[in-house]
PDB file of N, CA and C in Angstrom:
ATOM      1  N   MET A   1       9.330 -21.950 -22.847  1.00  0.00           N
ATOM      2  CA  MET A   1      10.647 -21.389 -23.048  1.00  0.00           C
ATOM      3  C   MET A   1      11.469 -21.603 -21.777  1.00  0.00           C
ATOM      4  N   ASN A   2      12.626 -22.106 -21.955  1.00  0.00           N
ATOM      5  CA  ASN A   2      13.515 -22.383 -20.822  1.00  0.00           C
ATOM      6  C   ASN A   2      14.396 -21.163 -20.554  1.00  0.00           C
ATOM      7  N   ARG A   3      14.315 -20.641 -19.338  1.00  0.00           N
ATOM      8  CA  ARG A   3      15.121 -19.480 -18.958  1.00  0.00           C
ATOM      9  C   ARG A   3      16.329 -19.967 -18.182  1.00  0.00           C
ATOM     10  N   ASP A   4      17.427 -20.111 -18.871  1.00  0.00           N
ATOM     11  CA  ASP A   4      18.624 -20.636 -18.221  1.00  0.00           C
ATOM     12  C   ASP A   4      19.475 -19.500 -17.649  1.00  0.00           C
ATOM     13  N   ALA A   5      20.608 -19.849 -17.131  1.00  0.00           N
ATOM     14  CA  ALA A   5      21.483 -18.888 -16.458  1.00  0.00           C
ATOM     15  C   ALA A   5      21.992 -17.812 -17.413  1.00  0.00           C
ATOM     16  N   THR A   6      22.231 -18.154 -18.660  1.00  0.00           N
ATOM     17  CA  THR A   6      22.732 -17.147 -19.603  1.00  0.00           C
ATOM     18  C   THR A   6      21.676 -16.080 -19.880  1.00  0.00           C
ATOM     19  N   PHE A   7      20.416 -16.482 -19.950  1.00  0.00           N
ATOM     20  CA  PHE A   7      19.339 -15.518 -20.146  1.00  0.00           C
ATOM     21  C   PHE A   7      19.246 -14.585 -18.947  1.00  0.00           C
ATOM     22  N   ARG A   8      19.280 -15.150 -17.735  1.00  0.00           N
ATOM     23  CA  ARG A   8      19.190 -14.330 -16.528  1.00  0.00           C
ATOM     24  C   ARG A   8      20.379 -13.381 -16.407  1.00  0.00           C
ATOM     25  N   ARG A   9      21.551 -13.857 -16.789  1.00  0.00           N
ATOM     26  CA  ARG A   9      22.747 -13.013 -16.759  1.00  0.00           C
ATOM     27  C   ARG A   9      22.606 -11.852 -17.741  1.00  0.00           C
ATOM     28  N   ALA A  10      22.074 -12.136 -18.922  1.00  0.00           N
ATOM     29  CA  ALA A  10      21.894 -11.096 -19.931  1.00  0.00           C
ATOM     30  C   ALA A  10      20.875 -10.058 -19.457  1.00  0.00           C
ATOM     31  N   GLN A  11      19.797 -10.514 -18.832  1.00  0.00           N
ATOM     32  CA  GLN A  11      18.792  -9.591 -18.319  1.00  0.00           C
ATOM     33  C   GLN A  11      19.371  -8.703 -17.224  1.00  0.00           C
ATOM     34  N   ARG A  12      20.175  -9.311 -16.350  1.00  0.00           N
ATOM     35  CA  ARG A  12      20.787  -8.531 -15.264  1.00  0.00           C
ATOM     36  C   ARG A  12      21.743  -7.479 -15.825  1.00  0.00           C
ATOM     37  N   GLN A  13      22.510  -7.824 -16.845  1.00  0.00           N
ATOM     38  CA  GLN A  13      23.417  -6.860 -17.479  1.00  0.00           C
ATOM     39  C   GLN A  13      22.624  -5.743 -18.142  1.00  0.00           C
ATOM     40  N   ARG A  14      21.480  -6.076 -18.760  1.00  0.00           N
ATOM     41  CA  ARG A  14      20.635  -5.080 -19.396  1.00  0.00           C
ATOM     42  C   ARG A  14      20.101  -4.086 -18.360  1.00  0.00           C
ATOM     43  N   ILE A  15      19.622  -4.612 -17.232  1.00  0.00           N
ATOM     44  CA  ILE A  15      19.098  -3.757 -16.164  1.00  0.00           C
ATOM     45  C   ILE A  15      20.219  -2.914 -15.562  1.00  0.00           C
ATOM     46  N   LYS A  16      21.392  -3.508 -15.402  1.00  0.00           N
ATOM     47  CA  LYS A  16      22.530  -2.777 -14.851  1.00  0.00           C
ATOM     48  C   LYS A  16      22.894  -1.596 -15.743  1.00  0.00           C
ATOM     49  N   ALA A  17      22.933  -1.818 -17.049  1.00  0.00           N
ATOM     50  CA  ALA A  17      23.256  -0.740 -17.972  1.00  0.00           C
ATOM     51  C   ALA A  17      22.192   0.353 -17.924  1.00  0.00           C
ATOM     52  N   LYS A  18      20.929  -0.045 -17.806  1.00  0.00           N
ATOM     53  CA  LYS A  18      19.848   0.929 -17.732  1.00  0.00           C
ATOM     54  C   LYS A  18      19.952   1.767 -16.467  1.00  0.00           C
ATOM     55  N   ARG A  19      20.203   1.116 -15.329  1.00  0.00           N
ATOM     56  CA  ARG A  19      20.323   1.849 -14.070  1.00  0.00           C
ATOM     57  C   ARG A  19      21.520   2.798 -14.099  1.00  0.00           C
ATOM     58  N   LEU A  20      22.626   2.376 -14.704  1.00  0.00           N
ATOM     59  CA  LEU A  20      23.799   3.238 -14.784  1.00  0.00           C
ATOM     60  C   LEU A  20      23.533   4.452 -15.662  1.00  0.00           C
ATOM     61  N   ARG A  21      22.729   4.274 -16.721  1.00  0.00           N
ATOM     62  CA  ARG A  21      22.359   5.422 -17.555  1.00  0.00           C
ATOM     63  C   ARG A  21      21.445   6.373 -16.794  1.00  0.00           C
ATOM     64  N   GLU A  22      20.509   5.811 -16.029  1.00  0.00           N
ATOM     65  CA  GLU A  22      19.559   6.643 -15.302  1.00  0.00           C
ATOM     66  C   GLU A  22      20.218   7.412 -14.163  1.00  0.00           C
ATOM     67  N   MET A  23      21.132   6.754 -13.457  1.00  0.00           N
ATOM     68  CA  MET A  23      21.706   7.355 -12.262  1.00  0.00           C
ATOM     69  C   MET A  23      23.224   7.387 -12.396  1.00  0.00           C
ATOM     70  N   ARG A  24      23.703   8.440 -12.953  1.00  0.00           N
ATOM     71  CA  ARG A  24      25.133   8.554 -13.233  1.00  0.00           C
ATOM     72  C   ARG A  24      25.986   8.581 -11.969  1.00  0.00           C
ATOM     73  N   TRP A  25      25.411   8.959 -10.826  1.00  0.00           N
ATOM     74  CA  TRP A  25      26.178   9.009  -9.588  1.00  0.00           C
ATOM     75  C   TRP A  25      26.628   7.624  -9.153  1.00  0.00           C
ATOM     76  N   LEU A  26      26.053   6.555  -9.686  1.00  0.00           N
ATOM     77  CA  LEU A  26      26.446   5.198  -9.304  1.00  0.00           C
ATOM     78  C   LEU A  26      27.815   4.815  -9.852  1.00  0.00           C
ATOM     79  N   ARG A  27      28.281   5.529 -10.854  1.00  0.00           N
ATOM     80  CA  ARG A  27      29.565   5.166 -11.457  1.00  0.00           C
ATOM     81  C   ARG A  27      30.728   5.313 -10.493  1.00  0.00           C
ATOM     82  N   ASP A  28      30.557   6.145  -9.470  1.00  0.00           N
ATOM     83  CA  ASP A  28      31.622   6.326  -8.481  1.00  0.00           C
ATOM     84  C   ASP A  28      31.549   5.290  -7.366  1.00  0.00           C
ATOM     85  N   ARG A  29      30.541   4.455  -7.364  1.00  0.00           N
ATOM     86  CA  ARG A  29      30.337   3.482  -6.290  1.00  0.00           C
ATOM     87  C   ARG A  29      31.050   2.177  -6.602  1.00  0.00           C
ATOM     88  N   ASP A  30      31.125   1.318  -5.592  1.00  0.00           N
ATOM     89  CA  ASP A  30      31.733   0.011  -5.808  1.00  0.00           C
ATOM     90  C   ASP A  30      30.709  -0.942  -6.430  1.00  0.00           C
ATOM     91  N   ALA A  31      31.187  -2.085  -6.891  1.00  0.00           N
ATOM     92  CA  ALA A  31      30.337  -3.037  -7.609  1.00  0.00           C
ATOM     93  C   ALA A  31      29.217  -3.583  -6.731  1.00  0.00           C
ATOM     94  N   ALA A  32      29.466  -3.796  -5.445  1.00  0.00           N
ATOM     95  CA  ALA A  32      28.434  -4.341  -4.557  1.00  0.00           C
ATOM     96  C   ALA A  32      27.275  -3.370  -4.427  1.00  0.00           C
ATOM     97  N   GLU A  33      27.564  -2.097  -4.312  1.00  0.00           N
ATOM     98  CA  GLU A  33      26.496  -1.111  -4.166  1.00  0.00           C
ATOM     99  C   GLU A  33      25.679  -0.987  -5.453  1.00  0.00           C
ATOM    100  N   ILE A  34      26.334  -1.094  -6.589  1.00  0.00           N
ATOM    101  CA  ILE A  34      25.612  -1.073  -7.863  1.00  0.00           C
ATOM    102  C   ILE A  34      24.709  -2.291  -7.963  1.00  0.00           C
ATOM    103  N   GLY A  35      25.198  -3.460  -7.531  1.00  0.00           N
ATOM    104  CA  GLY A  35      24.381  -4.671  -7.561  1.00  0.00           C
ATOM    105  C   GLY A  35      23.161  -4.565  -6.674  1.00  0.00           C
ATOM    106  N   ILE A  36      23.305  -3.940  -5.518  1.00  0.00           N
ATOM    107  CA  ILE A  36      22.163  -3.744  -4.625  1.00  0.00           C
ATOM    108  C   ILE A  36      21.148  -2.829  -5.294  1.00  0.00           C
ATOM    109  N   HIS A  37      21.619  -1.791  -5.935  1.00  0.00           N
ATOM    110  CA  HIS A  37      20.718  -0.847  -6.583  1.00  0.00           C
ATOM    111  C   HIS A  37      19.993  -1.479  -7.771  1.00  0.00           C
ATOM    112  N   ILE A  38      20.600  -2.441  -8.428  1.00  0.00           N
ATOM    113  CA  ILE A  38      19.942  -3.138  -9.525  1.00  0.00           C
ATOM    114  C   ILE A  38      18.757  -3.944  -8.998  1.00  0.00           C
ATOM    115  N   ASP A  39      18.962  -4.621  -7.877  1.00  0.00           N
ATOM    116  CA  ASP A  39      17.903  -5.471  -7.333  1.00  0.00           C
ATOM    117  C   ASP A  39      16.804  -4.655  -6.660  1.00  0.00           C
ATOM    118  N   THR A  40      17.169  -3.601  -5.953  1.00  0.00           N
ATOM    119  CA  THR A  40      16.189  -2.797  -5.225  1.00  0.00           C
ATOM    120  C   THR A  40      16.489  -1.330  -5.462  1.00  0.00           C
ATOM    121  N   PRO A  41      15.886  -0.728  -6.492  1.00  0.00           N
ATOM    122  CA  PRO A  41      16.175   0.663  -6.802  1.00  0.00           C
ATOM    123  C   PRO A  41      15.853   1.622  -5.657  1.00  0.00           C
ATOM    124  N   LYS A  42      14.803   1.338  -4.882  1.00  0.00           N
ATOM    125  CA  LYS A  42      14.468   2.193  -3.747  1.00  0.00           C
ATOM    126  C   LYS A  42      14.919   1.478  -2.493  1.00  0.00           C
ATOM    127  N   ARG A  43      16.020   1.942  -1.927  1.00  0.00           N
ATOM    128  CA  ARG A  43      16.654   1.215  -0.833  1.00  0.00           C
ATOM    129  C   ARG A  43      16.023   1.486   0.522  1.00  0.00           C
ATOM    130  N   CYS A  44      15.261   2.551   0.670  1.00  0.00           N
ATOM    131  CA  CYS A  44      14.662   2.823   1.973  1.00  0.00           C
ATOM    132  C   CYS A  44      13.201   3.218   1.780  1.00  0.00           C
ATOM    133  N   SER A  45      12.496   3.420   2.862  1.00  0.00           N
ATOM    134  CA  SER A  45      11.086   3.786   2.779  1.00  0.00           C
ATOM    135  C   SER A  45      10.829   5.139   3.418  1.00  0.00           C
ATOM    136  N   CYS A  46      11.808   6.013   3.409  1.00  0.00           N
ATOM    137  CA  CYS A  46      11.625   7.352   3.957  1.00  0.00           C
ATOM    138  C   CYS A  46      10.661   8.132   3.051  1.00  0.00           C
ATOM    139  N   PRO A  47      10.155   9.275   3.480  1.00  0.00           N
ATOM    140  CA  PRO A  47       9.223  10.039   2.649  1.00  0.00           C
ATOM    141  C   PRO A  47       9.797  10.453   1.291  1.00  0.00           C
ATOM    142  N   PHE A  48      11.110  10.566   1.188  1.00  0.00           N
ATOM    143  CA  PHE A  48      11.701  10.983  -0.081  1.00  0.00           C
ATOM    144  C   PHE A  48      11.845   9.825  -1.064  1.00  0.00           C
ATOM    145  N   CYS A  49      11.998   8.596  -0.561  1.00  0.00           N
ATOM    146  CA  CYS A  49      12.226   7.445  -1.433  1.00  0.00           C
ATOM    147  C   CYS A  49      11.022   6.512  -1.514  1.00  0.00           C
ATOM    148  N   GLY A  50      10.205   6.478  -0.486  1.00  0.00           N
ATOM    149  CA  GLY A  50       9.172   5.463  -0.366  1.00  0.00           C
ATOM    150  C   GLY A  50       7.863   5.806  -1.051  1.00  0.00           C
ATOM    151  N   ASN A  51       6.823   5.157  -0.592  1.00  0.00           N
ATOM    152  CA  ASN A  51       5.503   5.257  -1.161  1.00  0.00           C
ATOM    153  C   ASN A  51       4.873   6.609  -0.795  1.00  0.00           C
ATOM    154  N   PRO A  52       4.584   7.471  -1.775  1.00  0.00           N
ATOM    155  CA  PRO A  52       4.023   8.781  -1.437  1.00  0.00           C
ATOM    156  C   PRO A  52       2.618   8.692  -0.850  1.00  0.00           C
ATOM    157  N   ARG A  53       1.872   7.653  -1.187  1.00  0.00           N
ATOM    158  CA  ARG A  53       0.532   7.505  -0.638  1.00  0.00           C
ATOM    159  C   ARG A  53       0.592   7.285   0.873  1.00  0.00           C
ATOM    160  N   ARG A  54       1.513   6.491   1.303  1.00  0.00           N
ATOM    161  CA  ARG A  54       1.632   6.198   2.722  1.00  0.00           C
ATOM    162  C   ARG A  54       2.052   7.432   3.522  1.00  0.00           C
ATOM    163  N   HIS A  55       2.942   8.227   2.958  1.00  0.00           N
ATOM    164  CA  HIS A  55       3.487   9.358   3.702  1.00  0.00           C
ATOM    165  C   HIS A  55       2.668  10.636   3.548  1.00  0.00           C
ATOM    166  N   PHE A  56       2.107  10.869   2.361  1.00  0.00           N
ATOM    167  CA  PHE A  56       1.438  12.137   2.090  1.00  0.00           C
ATOM    168  C   PHE A  56      -0.043  11.999   1.770  1.00  0.00           C
ATOM    169  N   GLY A  57      -0.542  10.770   1.668  1.00  0.00           N
ATOM    170  CA  GLY A  57      -1.951  10.538   1.383  1.00  0.00           C
ATOM    171  C   GLY A  57      -2.358  10.867  -0.037  1.00  0.00           C
ATOM    172  N   GLN A  58      -1.418  10.845  -0.975  1.00  0.00           N
ATOM    173  CA  GLN A  58      -1.733  11.144  -2.367  1.00  0.00           C
ATOM    174  C   GLN A  58      -2.510   9.988  -2.984  1.00  0.00           C
ATOM    175  N   PRO A  59      -3.490  10.280  -3.854  1.00  0.00           N
ATOM    176  CA  PRO A  59      -4.261   9.202  -4.486  1.00  0.00           C
ATOM    177  C   PRO A  59      -3.436   8.463  -5.541  1.00  0.00           C
ATOM    178  N   THR A  60      -3.833   7.232  -5.808  1.00  0.00           N
ATOM    179  CA  THR A  60      -3.168   6.431  -6.824  1.00  0.00           C
ATOM    180  C   THR A  60      -3.632   6.867  -8.209  1.00  0.00           C
ATOM    181  N   ARG A  61      -2.997   6.367  -9.259  1.00  0.00           N
ATOM    182  CA  ARG A  61      -3.413   6.705 -10.622  1.00  0.00           C
ATOM    183  C   ARG A  61      -4.841   6.247 -10.892  1.00  0.00           C
ATOM    184  N   GLN A  62      -5.163   5.063 -10.408  1.00  0.00           N
ATOM    185  CA  GLN A  62      -6.510   4.538 -10.617  1.00  0.00           C
ATOM    186  C   GLN A  62      -7.556   5.427  -9.936  1.00  0.00           C
ATOM    187  N   GLU A  63      -7.250   5.881  -8.736  1.00  0.00           N
ATOM    188  CA  GLU A  63      -8.190   6.761  -8.034  1.00  0.00           C
ATOM    189  C   GLU A  63      -8.324   8.105  -8.757  1.00  0.00           C
ATOM    190  N   LEU A  64      -7.262   8.590  -9.355  1.00  0.00           N
ATOM    191  CA  LEU A  64      -7.333   9.840 -10.105  1.00  0.00           C
ATOM    192  C   LEU A  64      -8.191   9.679 -11.349  1.00  0.00           C
ATOM    193  N   GLN A  65      -8.153   8.522 -11.996  1.00  0.00           N
ATOM    194  CA  GLN A  65      -8.940   8.273 -13.192  1.00  0.00           C
ATOM    195  C   GLN A  65     -10.424   8.162 -12.886  1.00  0.00           C
ATOM    196  N   GLU A  66     -10.749   7.646 -11.707  1.00  0.00           N
ATOM    197  CA  GLU A  66     -12.151   7.461 -11.333  1.00  0.00           C
ATOM    198  C   GLU A  66     -12.838   8.774 -11.032  1.00  0.00           C
ATOM    199  N   THR A  67     -12.087   9.775 -10.624  1.00  0.00           N
ATOM    200  CA  THR A  67     -12.730  11.051 -10.264  1.00  0.00           C
ATOM    201  C   THR A  67     -12.894  11.954 -11.457  1.00  0.00           C
TER     202      THR A  67
END
């Protein structure tokens, strides 16, 4: 299957609509900031946004299933 530019554009629009539904606060932002959020939903790696295992030592789902 050939994935041309129209397919990629449609996928990006689909993701953009999904992100806008999930995070209504983005509607007040400019287009560039919305585009950044589409590509990288978690923009930083602070304890509030980043990997909880790295910051708090919480086990992964797989580790929880094994115990």
